[in-house]
Amino acid sequence: MSLTINEIAQKAGVSIGTVDRVIHNRGRVSKESIEKIQAIIDQYGYQPNPIARQLKTKKDFVIGVLLPELGTEQSYWKSVFEGMKKAAEEFKLFSIKLKLAEYKRHNSKAFVEKATELSKEKIDALITAPIVAPEIFEILPLFEKVPYVFVDSPLDHDKQLTTVAQDPYQGGYCAGRIMELLVPNAKKIITVQMYDKAPNLHERSRGFAEYFNNPKVVKNITYTAKEYGTQKKFIEAILKARPDGIFVTNEGSSEIADYCKAKKITKNFALIGYDLMEKNVKSLKEGNIDCLISQSPQDQGYLAVKKIYQHCLINEKIEREIFIPINIYFKENI
């Protein structure tokens, strides 16, 4: 195991200052001390103290953060960012700073523009959610000189430092199993995607459909402004199909629940959604949503910063993928 400068000094019977001068080849040190210190380093190795090094340089470690607007999607992304801020505060001795760039999720051009702007800033690492495809592959080369971490969604890519996300296919498959328990003899089930360019939502829909393995039962409806215009018309199109069950692949299940409540529509279908956001939890407690799957957004943000800290600042090996648990909630256990 590598030794710190203090441990080397103790073994050599010299001062820390002497060891420091030998390591950095500066100042006057006796030949005997040099040989003794070097022999210890050769045998055990030398591990610099990362905290001392960071305090000495007094340099901020800046992490660029590229996310959809924090206030959108029931503040889901705000929860992710809150987790990042918690980690930055925990490791504040290392002067970790977050430089946030937000973009409108439905606007692919805005995503590329914000990414380009952020790439011109002085950042030491990047955290982003690879949810705008194929544009994500266009912007990643802009950050090839810094390590980057994915949150929220895995991506078939081999250059990221790590990915902190739930397995979307397994999440969808799990939702399918729950739906079968809620509606054992369903004739028609709809999976709902609010974003047509999000790979993780496609994977959740695929996992759900493959659980049933019956295309006559499961139908996917994806929102596009061109086809549906408003969210209200989109919800009306879903309900018009008279499904036995609806699986919403992101945080939008409360929109369907609230619409039915406002229009006094009898809810004669099972409704499964994602994310423990405030409106969703309220609808779950009221019985207007039957089940929610959590992907712990705050934990994702926290772990993303922590893994960058471990890799870049204290030279620890980290996992290639970190899968967030599939946590299932009903009104009885919320």
C-alpha atoms as a PDB file:
ATOM      1  CA  MET A   1       0.000   0.000   0.000  1.00  0.00           C
ATOM      2  CA  SER A   2       1.337   3.465  -0.880  1.00  0.00           C
ATOM      3  CA  LEU A   3       2.549   5.681   1.961  1.00  0.00           C
ATOM      4  CA  THR A   4       1.802   9.326   2.676  1.00  0.00           C
ATOM      5  CA  ILE A   5       4.582  11.877   3.050  1.00  0.00           C
ATOM      6  CA  ASN A   6       4.173  11.732   6.838  1.00  0.00           C
ATOM      7  CA  GLU A   7       4.512   7.917   6.897  1.00  0.00           C
ATOM      8  CA  ILE A   8       7.630   8.052   4.720  1.00  0.00           C
ATOM      9  CA  ALA A   9       9.154  10.633   7.060  1.00  0.00           C
ATOM     10  CA  GLN A  10       8.474   8.393  10.067  1.00  0.00           C
ATOM     11  CA  LYS A  11      10.049   5.331   8.426  1.00  0.00           C
ATOM     12  CA  ALA A  12      13.098   7.292   7.272  1.00  0.00           C
ATOM     13  CA  GLY A  13      13.543   9.076  10.596  1.00  0.00           C
ATOM     14  CA  VAL A  14      13.594  12.494   8.915  1.00  0.00           C
ATOM     15  CA  SER A  15      11.309  15.525   8.806  1.00  0.00           C
ATOM     16  CA  ILE A  16       8.333  15.888   6.473  1.00  0.00           C
ATOM     17  CA  GLY A  17      10.117  18.853   4.901  1.00  0.00           C
ATOM     18  CA  THR A  18      13.076  16.640   4.009  1.00  0.00           C
ATOM     19  CA  VAL A  19      10.807  14.091   2.326  1.00  0.00           C
ATOM     20  CA  ASP A  20       9.037  16.892   0.459  1.00  0.00           C
ATOM     21  CA  ARG A  21      12.356  18.235  -0.858  1.00  0.00           C
ATOM     22  CA  VAL A  22      13.385  14.769  -2.072  1.00  0.00           C
ATOM     23  CA  ILE A  23      10.053  14.089  -3.776  1.00  0.00           C
ATOM     24  CA  HIS A  24      10.051  17.438  -5.554  1.00  0.00           C
ATOM     25  CA  ASN A  25      13.860  17.539  -6.093  1.00  0.00           C
ATOM     26  CA  ARG A  26      14.382  20.899  -4.480  1.00  0.00           C
ATOM     27  CA  GLY A  27      16.597  22.219  -1.669  1.00  0.00           C
ATOM     28  CA  ARG A  28      19.643  20.629  -0.102  1.00  0.00           C
ATOM     29  CA  VAL A  29      19.365  17.088   1.285  1.00  0.00           C
ATOM     30  CA  SER A  30      22.173  14.707   2.251  1.00  0.00           C
ATOM     31  CA  LYS A  31      22.932  11.815  -0.063  1.00  0.00           C
ATOM     32  CA  GLU A  32      22.227   9.378   2.779  1.00  0.00           C
ATOM     33  CA  SER A  33      18.733  10.802   3.364  1.00  0.00           C
ATOM     34  CA  ILE A  34      17.950  10.821  -0.358  1.00  0.00           C
ATOM     35  CA  GLU A  35      18.906   7.159  -0.692  1.00  0.00           C
ATOM     36  CA  LYS A  36      16.948   6.159   2.424  1.00  0.00           C
ATOM     37  CA  ILE A  37      13.788   8.031   1.336  1.00  0.00           C
ATOM     38  CA  GLN A  38      13.995   6.791  -2.235  1.00  0.00           C
ATOM     39  CA  ALA A  39      14.363   3.177  -1.069  1.00  0.00           C
ATOM     40  CA  ILE A  40      11.184   3.507   1.013  1.00  0.00           C
ATOM     41  CA  ILE A  41       9.288   5.046  -1.916  1.00  0.00           C
ATOM     42  CA  ASP A  42      10.525   2.283  -4.241  1.00  0.00           C
ATOM     43  CA  GLN A  43       9.373  -0.371  -1.795  1.00  0.00           C
ATOM     44  CA  TYR A  44       5.977   1.046  -0.752  1.00  0.00           C
ATOM     45  CA  GLY A  45       5.108   3.754  -3.244  1.00  0.00           C
ATOM     46  CA  TYR A  46       4.070   7.320  -2.516  1.00  0.00           C
ATOM     47  CA  GLN A  47       0.450   8.522  -2.198  1.00  0.00           C
ATOM     48  CA  PRO A  48       0.109  12.322  -2.211  1.00  0.00           C
ATOM     49  CA  ASN A  49      -2.384  13.727   0.285  1.00  0.00           C
ATOM     50  CA  PRO A  50      -5.206  14.962  -1.976  1.00  0.00           C
ATOM     51  CA  ILE A  51      -6.663  17.348   0.611  1.00  0.00           C
ATOM     52  CA  ALA A  52      -3.291  18.989   1.253  1.00  0.00           C
ATOM     53  CA  ARG A  53      -2.634  19.209  -2.475  1.00  0.00           C
ATOM     54  CA  GLN A  54      -6.018  20.838  -3.131  1.00  0.00           C
ATOM     55  CA  LEU A  55      -5.609  23.307  -0.275  1.00  0.00           C
ATOM     56  CA  LYS A  56      -2.148  24.158  -1.524  1.00  0.00           C
ATOM     57  CA  THR A  57      -3.231  24.879  -5.085  1.00  0.00           C
ATOM     58  CA  LYS A  58      -6.348  26.808  -3.943  1.00  0.00           C
ATOM     59  CA  LYS A  59      -7.909  25.924  -7.281  1.00  0.00           C
ATOM     60  CA  ASP A  60     -11.621  25.344  -7.752  1.00  0.00           C
ATOM     61  CA  PHE A  61     -12.638  22.042  -9.311  1.00  0.00           C
ATOM     62  CA  VAL A  62     -15.458  23.013 -11.659  1.00  0.00           C
ATOM     63  CA  ILE A  63     -18.070  20.473 -12.774  1.00  0.00           C
ATOM     64  CA  GLY A  64     -20.203  21.518 -15.732  1.00  0.00           C
ATOM     65  CA  VAL A  65     -23.828  20.395 -15.418  1.00  0.00           C
ATOM     66  CA  LEU A  66     -25.995  20.171 -18.550  1.00  0.00           C
ATOM     67  CA  LEU A  67     -29.653  19.480 -17.717  1.00  0.00           C
ATOM     68  CA  PRO A  68     -33.188  20.360 -18.840  1.00  0.00           C
ATOM     69  CA  GLU A  69     -34.681  23.410 -17.112  1.00  0.00           C
ATOM     70  CA  LEU A  70     -34.768  22.612 -13.402  1.00  0.00           C
ATOM     71  CA  GLY A  71     -38.330  23.803 -12.865  1.00  0.00           C
ATOM     72  CA  THR A  72     -39.823  21.552 -15.535  1.00  0.00           C
ATOM     73  CA  GLU A  73     -41.199  18.010 -15.207  1.00  0.00           C
ATOM     74  CA  GLN A  74     -42.463  18.657 -11.672  1.00  0.00           C
ATOM     75  CA  SER A  75     -38.976  19.877 -10.711  1.00  0.00           C
ATOM     76  CA  TYR A  76     -37.528  16.411 -11.299  1.00  0.00           C
ATOM     77  CA  TRP A  77     -34.284  17.946 -12.564  1.00  0.00           C
ATOM     78  CA  LYS A  78     -34.154  20.293  -9.598  1.00  0.00           C
ATOM     79  CA  SER A  79     -34.080  17.182  -7.395  1.00  0.00           C
ATOM     80  CA  VAL A  80     -31.149  15.808  -9.427  1.00  0.00           C
ATOM     81  CA  PHE A  81     -29.296  19.113  -9.045  1.00  0.00           C
ATOM     82  CA  GLU A  82     -30.059  19.297  -5.310  1.00  0.00           C
ATOM     83  CA  GLY A  83     -28.261  15.971  -4.942  1.00  0.00           C
ATOM     84  CA  MET A  84     -25.259  17.411  -6.760  1.00  0.00           C
ATOM     85  CA  LYS A  85     -25.205  20.440  -4.463  1.00  0.00           C
ATOM     86  CA  LYS A  86     -25.359  18.178  -1.413  1.00  0.00           C
ATOM     87  CA  ALA A  87     -22.264  16.290  -2.607  1.00  0.00           C
ATOM     88  CA  ALA A  88     -20.402  19.501  -3.475  1.00  0.00           C
ATOM     89  CA  GLU A  89     -21.067  20.757   0.063  1.00  0.00           C
ATOM     90  CA  GLU A  90     -19.944  17.450   1.590  1.00  0.00           C
ATOM     91  CA  PHE A  91     -16.638  17.608  -0.289  1.00  0.00           C
ATOM     92  CA  LYS A  92     -16.186  21.375   0.060  1.00  0.00           C
ATOM     93  CA  LEU A  93     -12.558  20.988   1.183  1.00  0.00           C
ATOM     94  CA  PHE A  94     -11.858  20.230  -2.478  1.00  0.00           C
ATOM     95  CA  SER A  95     -13.519  23.465  -3.653  1.00  0.00           C
ATOM     96  CA  ILE A  96     -15.985  21.694  -5.958  1.00  0.00           C
ATOM     97  CA  LYS A  97     -18.090  24.193  -7.882  1.00  0.00           C
ATOM     98  CA  LEU A  98     -21.070  23.469 -10.138  1.00  0.00           C
ATOM     99  CA  LYS A  99     -21.568  25.408 -13.366  1.00  0.00           C
ATOM    100  CA  LEU A 100     -25.158  24.818 -14.503  1.00  0.00           C
ATOM    101  CA  ALA A 101     -26.425  25.103 -18.085  1.00  0.00           C
ATOM    102  CA  GLU A 102     -30.189  24.541 -18.575  1.00  0.00           C
ATOM    103  CA  TYR A 103     -32.023  23.933 -21.849  1.00  0.00           C
ATOM    104  CA  LYS A 104     -35.583  23.409 -23.058  1.00  0.00           C
ATOM    105  CA  ARG A 105     -36.020  19.674 -23.404  1.00  0.00           C
ATOM    106  CA  HIS A 106     -38.318  19.730 -26.424  1.00  0.00           C
ATOM    107  CA  ASN A 107     -35.834  21.956 -28.297  1.00  0.00           C
ATOM    108  CA  SER A 108     -32.942  19.895 -29.693  1.00  0.00           C
ATOM    109  CA  LYS A 109     -31.297  22.992 -31.126  1.00  0.00           C
ATOM    110  CA  ALA A 110     -31.276  24.647 -27.688  1.00  0.00           C
ATOM    111  CA  PHE A 111     -29.651  21.532 -26.241  1.00  0.00           C
ATOM    112  CA  VAL A 112     -26.782  21.699 -28.738  1.00  0.00           C
ATOM    113  CA  GLU A 113     -26.382  25.468 -28.243  1.00  0.00           C
ATOM    114  CA  LYS A 114     -26.197  25.207 -24.449  1.00  0.00           C
ATOM    115  CA  ALA A 115     -23.748  22.308 -24.679  1.00  0.00           C
ATOM    116  CA  THR A 116     -21.536  24.295 -27.058  1.00  0.00           C
ATOM    117  CA  GLU A 117     -21.561  27.296 -24.700  1.00  0.00           C
ATOM    118  CA  LEU A 118     -20.664  25.101 -21.721  1.00  0.00           C
ATOM    119  CA  SER A 119     -17.803  23.426 -23.630  1.00  0.00           C
ATOM    120  CA  LYS A 120     -16.152  26.836 -23.980  1.00  0.00           C
ATOM    121  CA  GLU A 121     -16.105  27.346 -20.215  1.00  0.00           C
ATOM    122  CA  LYS A 122     -13.201  26.230 -18.032  1.00  0.00           C
ATOM    123  CA  ILE A 123     -14.593  23.034 -16.533  1.00  0.00           C
ATOM    124  CA  ASP A 124     -12.806  20.009 -15.093  1.00  0.00           C
ATOM    125  CA  ALA A 125     -15.626  17.470 -15.552  1.00  0.00           C
ATOM    126  CA  LEU A 126     -19.165  17.203 -16.916  1.00  0.00           C
ATOM    127  CA  ILE A 127     -22.458  15.691 -15.742  1.00  0.00           C
ATOM    128  CA  THR A 128     -25.321  15.371 -18.206  1.00  0.00           C
ATOM    129  CA  ALA A 129     -28.399  13.271 -18.921  1.00  0.00           C
ATOM    130  CA  PRO A 130     -28.174  11.631 -22.381  1.00  0.00           C
ATOM    131  CA  ILE A 131     -31.873  12.087 -23.132  1.00  0.00           C
ATOM    132  CA  VAL A 132     -31.768  13.993 -26.414  1.00  0.00           C
ATOM    133  CA  ALA A 133     -30.837  11.613 -29.211  1.00  0.00           C
ATOM    134  CA  PRO A 134     -29.132  11.665 -31.638  1.00  0.00           C
ATOM    135  CA  GLU A 135     -27.894  15.134 -30.676  1.00  0.00           C
ATOM    136  CA  ILE A 136     -26.140  13.773 -27.588  1.00  0.00           C
ATOM    137  CA  PHE A 137     -23.606  12.096 -29.885  1.00  0.00           C
ATOM    138  CA  GLU A 138     -23.037  15.430 -31.602  1.00  0.00           C
ATOM    139  CA  ILE A 139     -22.076  17.274 -28.415  1.00  0.00           C
ATOM    140  CA  LEU A 140     -19.997  14.660 -26.576  1.00  0.00           C
ATOM    141  CA  PRO A 141     -16.853  15.235 -28.706  1.00  0.00           C
ATOM    142  CA  LEU A 142     -16.885  18.833 -27.397  1.00  0.00           C
ATOM    143  CA  PHE A 143     -16.024  17.431 -23.956  1.00  0.00           C
ATOM    144  CA  GLU A 144     -13.463  14.810 -24.963  1.00  0.00           C
ATOM    145  CA  LYS A 145     -10.757  16.444 -22.818  1.00  0.00           C
ATOM    146  CA  VAL A 146     -12.700  16.142 -19.556  1.00  0.00           C
ATOM    147  CA  PRO A 147     -14.281  13.133 -17.808  1.00  0.00           C
ATOM    148  CA  TYR A 148     -18.064  13.038 -18.034  1.00  0.00           C
ATOM    149  CA  VAL A 149     -20.776  11.193 -16.149  1.00  0.00           C
ATOM    150  CA  PHE A 150     -24.283  10.279 -17.280  1.00  0.00           C
ATOM    151  CA  VAL A 151     -27.298  10.489 -14.976  1.00  0.00           C
ATOM    152  CA  ASP A 152     -30.953   9.495 -15.432  1.00  0.00           C
ATOM    153  CA  SER A 153     -30.402   7.403 -18.535  1.00  0.00           C
ATOM    154  CA  PRO A 154     -27.840   4.801 -19.628  1.00  0.00           C
ATOM    155  CA  LEU A 155     -26.423   5.238 -23.119  1.00  0.00           C
ATOM    156  CA  ASP A 156     -24.703   2.764 -25.422  1.00  0.00           C
ATOM    157  CA  HIS A 157     -21.411   4.641 -25.325  1.00  0.00           C
ATOM    158  CA  ASP A 158     -17.928   3.677 -24.138  1.00  0.00           C
ATOM    159  CA  LYS A 159     -16.202   6.935 -23.222  1.00  0.00           C
ATOM    160  CA  GLN A 160     -18.113   8.118 -20.154  1.00  0.00           C
ATOM    161  CA  LEU A 161     -16.433   7.861 -16.761  1.00  0.00           C
ATOM    162  CA  THR A 162     -19.518   6.193 -15.288  1.00  0.00           C
ATOM    163  CA  THR A 163     -23.317   6.110 -15.516  1.00  0.00           C
ATOM    164  CA  VAL A 164     -25.609   6.674 -12.525  1.00  0.00           C
ATOM    165  CA  ALA A 165     -29.116   5.627 -13.534  1.00  0.00           C
ATOM    166  CA  GLN A 166     -31.848   3.079 -13.161  1.00  0.00           C
ATOM    167  CA  ASP A 167     -32.025   0.287 -15.731  1.00  0.00           C
ATOM    168  CA  PRO A 168     -34.948   1.583 -17.826  1.00  0.00           C
ATOM    169  CA  TYR A 169     -35.723  -1.744 -19.494  1.00  0.00           C
ATOM    170  CA  GLN A 170     -35.976  -3.511 -16.151  1.00  0.00           C
ATOM    171  CA  GLY A 171     -38.063  -0.645 -14.784  1.00  0.00           C
ATOM    172  CA  GLY A 172     -40.517  -1.028 -17.648  1.00  0.00           C
ATOM    173  CA  TYR A 173     -40.553  -4.804 -17.297  1.00  0.00           C
ATOM    174  CA  CYS A 174     -41.294  -4.448 -13.591  1.00  0.00           C
ATOM    175  CA  ALA A 175     -44.150  -2.033 -14.397  1.00  0.00           C
ATOM    176  CA  GLY A 176     -45.556  -4.674 -16.734  1.00  0.00           C
ATOM    177  CA  ARG A 177     -45.571  -7.263 -13.949  1.00  0.00           C
ATOM    178  CA  ILE A 178     -47.369  -4.828 -11.625  1.00  0.00           C
ATOM    179  CA  MET A 179     -49.907  -3.963 -14.329  1.00  0.00           C
ATOM    180  CA  GLU A 180     -50.737  -7.642 -14.781  1.00  0.00           C
ATOM    181  CA  LEU A 181     -51.401  -7.911 -11.044  1.00  0.00           C
ATOM    182  CA  LEU A 182     -53.648  -4.835 -11.134  1.00  0.00           C
ATOM    183  CA  VAL A 183     -55.494  -5.803 -14.330  1.00  0.00           C
ATOM    184  CA  PRO A 184     -55.176  -9.601 -14.779  1.00  0.00           C
ATOM    185  CA  ASN A 185     -57.241  -9.869 -17.976  1.00  0.00           C
ATOM    186  CA  ALA A 186     -56.463  -6.594 -19.702  1.00  0.00           C
ATOM    187  CA  LYS A 187     -57.464  -6.313 -23.345  1.00  0.00           C
ATOM    188  CA  LYS A 188     -55.808  -2.959 -24.045  1.00  0.00           C
ATOM    189  CA  ILE A 189     -52.920  -1.230 -22.281  1.00  0.00           C
ATOM    190  CA  ILE A 190     -51.233   1.990 -23.357  1.00  0.00           C
ATOM    191  CA  THR A 191     -47.654   3.080 -22.676  1.00  0.00           C
ATOM    192  CA  VAL A 192     -47.220   6.842 -22.737  1.00  0.00           C
ATOM    193  CA  GLN A 193     -44.051   8.683 -23.798  1.00  0.00           C
ATOM    194  CA  MET A 194     -43.909  12.445 -23.392  1.00  0.00           C
ATOM    195  CA  TYR A 195     -40.569  12.779 -25.216  1.00  0.00           C
ATOM    196  CA  ASP A 196     -39.908  11.080 -28.524  1.00  0.00           C
ATOM    197  CA  LYS A 197     -36.098  11.495 -28.407  1.00  0.00           C
ATOM    198  CA  ALA A 198     -35.438  10.005 -24.974  1.00  0.00           C
ATOM    199  CA  PRO A 199     -33.698   6.592 -25.159  1.00  0.00           C
ATOM    200  CA  ASN A 200     -34.577   5.724 -21.550  1.00  0.00           C
ATOM    201  CA  LEU A 201     -38.315   6.216 -22.170  1.00  0.00           C
ATOM    202  CA  HIS A 202     -38.112   4.011 -25.260  1.00  0.00           C
ATOM    203  CA  GLU A 203     -36.427   1.338 -23.152  1.00  0.00           C
ATOM    204  CA  ARG A 204     -39.089   1.524 -20.436  1.00  0.00           C
ATOM    205  CA  SER A 205     -41.802   1.120 -23.071  1.00  0.00           C
ATOM    206  CA  ARG A 206     -39.906  -1.791 -24.620  1.00  0.00           C
ATOM    207  CA  GLY A 207     -39.458  -3.548 -21.275  1.00  0.00           C
ATOM    208  CA  PHE A 208     -43.160  -3.115 -20.478  1.00  0.00           C
ATOM    209  CA  ALA A 209     -44.270  -4.421 -23.880  1.00  0.00           C
ATOM    210  CA  GLU A 210     -41.912  -7.399 -23.754  1.00  0.00           C
ATOM    211  CA  TYR A 211     -43.280  -8.446 -20.384  1.00  0.00           C
ATOM    212  CA  PHE A 212     -46.699  -8.946 -21.998  1.00  0.00           C
ATOM    213  CA  ASN A 213     -45.227 -10.112 -25.318  1.00  0.00           C
ATOM    214  CA  ASN A 214     -48.529  -9.365 -27.025  1.00  0.00           C
ATOM    215  CA  PRO A 215     -48.668  -6.403 -29.449  1.00  0.00           C
ATOM    216  CA  LYS A 216     -52.460  -6.747 -29.618  1.00  0.00           C
ATOM    217  CA  VAL A 217     -52.668  -5.777 -25.943  1.00  0.00           C
ATOM    218  CA  VAL A 218     -49.937  -3.137 -25.525  1.00  0.00           C
ATOM    219  CA  LYS A 219     -49.915   0.007 -27.651  1.00  0.00           C
ATOM    220  CA  ASN A 220     -47.494   2.918 -27.357  1.00  0.00           C
ATOM    221  CA  ILE A 221     -48.540   6.549 -27.740  1.00  0.00           C
ATOM    222  CA  THR A 222     -45.794   9.168 -27.965  1.00  0.00           C
ATOM    223  CA  TYR A 223     -46.419  12.891 -27.641  1.00  0.00           C
ATOM    224  CA  THR A 224     -45.318  15.196 -30.438  1.00  0.00           C
ATOM    225  CA  ALA A 225     -46.430  18.814 -30.693  1.00  0.00           C
ATOM    226  CA  LYS A 226     -47.034  18.372 -34.412  1.00  0.00           C
ATOM    227  CA  GLU A 227     -49.517  15.540 -33.928  1.00  0.00           C
ATOM    228  CA  TYR A 228     -51.282  16.553 -30.717  1.00  0.00           C
ATOM    229  CA  GLY A 229     -50.549  20.229 -30.150  1.00  0.00           C
ATOM    230  CA  THR A 230     -51.470  20.582 -26.482  1.00  0.00           C
ATOM    231  CA  GLN A 231     -51.031  18.182 -23.590  1.00  0.00           C
ATOM    232  CA  LYS A 232     -54.799  18.293 -23.049  1.00  0.00           C
ATOM    233  CA  LYS A 233     -55.448  16.896 -26.518  1.00  0.00           C
ATOM    234  CA  PHE A 234     -52.805  14.252 -25.940  1.00  0.00           C
ATOM    235  CA  ILE A 235     -54.522  13.083 -22.742  1.00  0.00           C
ATOM    236  CA  GLU A 236     -57.890  13.095 -24.509  1.00  0.00           C
ATOM    237  CA  ALA A 237     -56.447  10.845 -27.231  1.00  0.00           C
ATOM    238  CA  ILE A 238     -55.164   8.416 -24.584  1.00  0.00           C
ATOM    239  CA  LEU A 239     -58.503   8.221 -22.772  1.00  0.00           C
ATOM    240  CA  LYS A 240     -60.450   7.970 -26.023  1.00  0.00           C
ATOM    241  CA  ALA A 241     -58.771   4.607 -26.626  1.00  0.00           C
ATOM    242  CA  ARG A 242     -60.545   3.292 -23.468  1.00  0.00           C
ATOM    243  CA  PRO A 243     -57.565   1.361 -22.074  1.00  0.00           C
ATOM    244  CA  ASP A 244     -57.684  -1.053 -19.170  1.00  0.00           C
ATOM    245  CA  GLY A 245     -54.311   0.220 -18.038  1.00  0.00           C
ATOM    246  CA  ILE A 246     -51.955   3.152 -18.665  1.00  0.00           C
ATOM    247  CA  PHE A 247     -48.220   3.181 -17.998  1.00  0.00           C
ATOM    248  CA  VAL A 248     -46.639   6.655 -18.078  1.00  0.00           C
ATOM    249  CA  THR A 249     -42.894   6.290 -18.603  1.00  0.00           C
ATOM    250  CA  ASN A 250     -41.906   9.556 -16.890  1.00  0.00           C
ATOM    251  CA  GLU A 251     -43.253  11.841 -14.152  1.00  0.00           C
ATOM    252  CA  GLY A 252     -46.435  12.830 -16.057  1.00  0.00           C
ATOM    253  CA  SER A 253     -48.921  10.336 -14.587  1.00  0.00           C
ATOM    254  CA  SER A 254     -50.486  12.982 -12.330  1.00  0.00           C
ATOM    255  CA  GLU A 255     -51.469  14.982 -15.431  1.00  0.00           C
ATOM    256  CA  ILE A 256     -53.777  12.145 -16.475  1.00  0.00           C
ATOM    257  CA  ALA A 257     -55.040  11.696 -12.902  1.00  0.00           C
ATOM    258  CA  ASP A 258     -55.730  15.431 -12.504  1.00  0.00           C
ATOM    259  CA  TYR A 259     -57.480  15.625 -15.863  1.00  0.00           C
ATOM    260  CA  CYS A 260     -59.836  12.780 -14.930  1.00  0.00           C
ATOM    261  CA  LYS A 261     -60.487  14.376 -11.536  1.00  0.00           C
ATOM    262  CA  ALA A 262     -61.213  17.799 -13.018  1.00  0.00           C
ATOM    263  CA  LYS A 263     -63.523  16.396 -15.700  1.00  0.00           C
ATOM    264  CA  LYS A 264     -65.155  14.029 -13.167  1.00  0.00           C
ATOM    265  CA  ILE A 265     -64.263  11.080 -15.372  1.00  0.00           C
ATOM    266  CA  THR A 266     -64.639   7.746 -13.627  1.00  0.00           C
ATOM    267  CA  LYS A 267     -61.213   6.130 -13.487  1.00  0.00           C
ATOM    268  CA  ASN A 268     -61.881   2.602 -14.708  1.00  0.00           C
ATOM    269  CA  PHE A 269     -58.258   1.832 -15.644  1.00  0.00           C
ATOM    270  CA  ALA A 270     -55.055   1.116 -13.731  1.00  0.00           C
ATOM    271  CA  LEU A 271     -52.499   3.946 -13.803  1.00  0.00           C
ATOM    272  CA  ILE A 272     -48.788   3.365 -13.198  1.00  0.00           C
ATOM    273  CA  GLY A 273     -46.234   6.157 -13.373  1.00  0.00           C
ATOM    274  CA  TYR A 274     -42.702   7.180 -12.501  1.00  0.00           C
ATOM    275  CA  ASP A 275     -41.141   9.441  -9.854  1.00  0.00           C
ATOM    276  CA  LEU A 276     -42.150  10.534  -6.373  1.00  0.00           C
ATOM    277  CA  MET A 277     -42.738  14.165  -7.284  1.00  0.00           C
ATOM    278  CA  GLU A 278     -45.195  16.212  -5.200  1.00  0.00           C
ATOM    279  CA  LYS A 279     -48.206  16.046  -7.531  1.00  0.00           C
ATOM    280  CA  ASN A 280     -47.656  12.354  -8.196  1.00  0.00           C
ATOM    281  CA  VAL A 281     -47.476  11.517  -4.501  1.00  0.00           C
ATOM    282  CA  LYS A 282     -50.685  13.478  -3.871  1.00  0.00           C
ATOM    283  CA  SER A 283     -52.505  11.569  -6.628  1.00  0.00           C
ATOM    284  CA  LEU A 284     -51.114   8.271  -5.331  1.00  0.00           C
ATOM    285  CA  LYS A 285     -52.392   8.972  -1.815  1.00  0.00           C
ATOM    286  CA  GLU A 286     -55.803   9.911  -3.219  1.00  0.00           C
ATOM    287  CA  GLY A 287     -55.992   6.650  -5.166  1.00  0.00           C
ATOM    288  CA  ASN A 288     -55.941   8.362  -8.571  1.00  0.00           C
ATOM    289  CA  ILE A 289     -52.579   6.769  -9.373  1.00  0.00           C
ATOM    290  CA  ASP A 290     -52.230   3.081  -8.523  1.00  0.00           C
ATOM    291  CA  CYS A 291     -48.462   2.732  -8.396  1.00  0.00           C
ATOM    292  CA  LEU A 292     -45.296   4.827  -8.738  1.00  0.00           C
ATOM    293  CA  ILE A 293     -41.759   3.686  -9.503  1.00  0.00           C
ATOM    294  CA  SER A 294     -39.022   5.842  -8.008  1.00  0.00           C
ATOM    295  CA  GLN A 295     -35.585   6.339  -9.527  1.00  0.00           C
ATOM    296  CA  SER A 296     -34.241   8.499  -6.656  1.00  0.00           C
ATOM    297  CA  PRO A 297     -33.179  11.608  -8.633  1.00  0.00           C
ATOM    298  CA  GLN A 298     -31.441  13.252  -5.681  1.00  0.00           C
ATOM    299  CA  ASP A 299     -29.336  10.146  -5.096  1.00  0.00           C
ATOM    300  CA  GLN A 300     -28.370  10.131  -8.780  1.00  0.00           C
ATOM    301  CA  GLY A 301     -27.098  13.707  -8.594  1.00  0.00           C
ATOM    302  CA  TYR A 302     -25.218  13.068  -5.357  1.00  0.00           C
ATOM    303  CA  LEU A 303     -23.513   9.921  -6.646  1.00  0.00           C
ATOM    304  CA  ALA A 304     -22.536  11.574  -9.934  1.00  0.00           C
ATOM    305  CA  VAL A 305     -20.557  14.270  -8.107  1.00  0.00           C
ATOM    306  CA  LYS A 306     -19.170  11.765  -5.604  1.00  0.00           C
ATOM    307  CA  LYS A 307     -17.820   9.507  -8.352  1.00  0.00           C
ATOM    308  CA  ILE A 308     -16.105  12.455 -10.047  1.00  0.00           C
ATOM    309  CA  TYR A 309     -14.591  13.412  -6.681  1.00  0.00           C
ATOM    310  CA  GLN A 310     -13.360   9.852  -6.103  1.00  0.00           C
ATOM    311  CA  HIS A 311     -11.862   9.477  -9.574  1.00  0.00           C
ATOM    312  CA  CYS A 312     -10.447  12.939 -10.203  1.00  0.00           C
ATOM    313  CA  LEU A 313      -9.513  14.210  -6.749  1.00  0.00           C
ATOM    314  CA  ILE A 314      -8.518  11.210  -4.631  1.00  0.00           C
ATOM    315  CA  ASN A 315      -7.545   8.782  -7.407  1.00  0.00           C
ATOM    316  CA  GLU A 316      -9.903   5.960  -6.459  1.00  0.00           C
ATOM    317  CA  LYS A 317     -11.187   3.367  -8.880  1.00  0.00           C
ATOM    318  CA  ILE A 318     -14.921   3.637  -9.486  1.00  0.00           C
ATOM    319  CA  GLU A 319     -17.623   1.414 -10.941  1.00  0.00           C
ATOM    320  CA  ARG A 320     -18.358   1.600 -14.666  1.00  0.00           C
ATOM    321  CA  GLU A 321     -22.107   1.577 -14.012  1.00  0.00           C
ATOM    322  CA  ILE A 322     -24.127   2.371 -10.895  1.00  0.00           C
ATOM    323  CA  PHE A 323     -27.705   1.166 -11.141  1.00  0.00           C
ATOM    324  CA  ILE A 324     -30.299   2.890  -8.980  1.00  0.00           C
ATOM    325  CA  PRO A 325     -32.770   0.457  -7.318  1.00  0.00           C
ATOM    326  CA  ILE A 326     -36.297   0.068  -8.731  1.00  0.00           C
ATOM    327  CA  ASN A 327     -38.344   1.258  -5.752  1.00  0.00           C
ATOM    328  CA  ILE A 328     -42.086   0.578  -5.936  1.00  0.00           C
ATOM    329  CA  TYR A 329     -44.730   2.585  -4.069  1.00  0.00           C
ATOM    330  CA  PHE A 330     -48.442   2.193  -3.480  1.00  0.00           C
ATOM    331  CA  LYS A 331     -50.613   4.478  -1.343  1.00  0.00           C
ATOM    332  CA  GLU A 332     -50.173   2.034   1.528  1.00  0.00           C
ATOM    333  CA  ASN A 333     -46.372   2.403   1.744  1.00  0.00           C
ATOM    334  CA  ILE A 334     -45.764   5.985   0.630  1.00  0.00           C
END
